[in-house]
Amino acid sequence: MAKLPNPLDHRKADHPIEQLFVKRWSPRAMSGQPITDAELNQLFEAARWAPSSYNEQPWRFLYAKRDTPHFQTFFDLLVDANKAWNGNAAVLMVIVSSKVFSRNNSPNPVHVFDAGSAWENLALQGAAMGLVVHGMAGFNGNKARAVLGVPDDFEVCAMMSIGRPGEIEVLPEALRGKEVPSGRKPVREFAFEGGFKK
């Protein structure tokens, strides 16, 4: 049985950075083993310390643990392509974000940016703990709003699955070859001094 590859064997930073950034990736193979409430709270604690405009902390994490009554509700939000590999997730989660500032009820134009910061903190903490943390856009956001009771002043942003690493063979055959850490564009393709460039 093939174990998940070590991302440090497949990736190299072009400039000196903390190895945790290179180590974090989004595998799909999970073992089906649970994660503890203490581990889940470690992930949430990392998210808690993300920066946000006016310290609003607009993010909310709605989740269901495997083998609980809520898990099927969350699983049913996924598109079929994501259902194919999420059956072994320990936790499924939906991230939502408040569209307005709590201090004055005016629109918060950067709430999704802030929620993304919280997601990244959680994902990096998961990588440090040796967990799989995989963000997903492939789900029904309108259905999530309805079945999870998300109020209108919150935006449904994304889903994620969390679990312990599994062997590649647990995946459908079509996905096994894709279970390799991806590369990244070089800095020169996205960082421009003085203005936008194509």
Foldseek 3Di string as FASTA:
>chain_A
DAFFDQQVVVADDPDDDPCLVSRFFAFLAFDLDADDPVLVVLLQVLLQPFDDDVSQSFKDKDKDAPPDPCPVVQLQQFDPVSNQRQPSFGMKIWMKGFQARPVPRHGDPCGLVRSVRSLVSSRSSCSVVQKRKHKAPGGHQVSCCVVVVPDPRMGGHTMITIHHTHGLVVGDPVCSVVSHGDYDDDPVVPDDPPDDDD
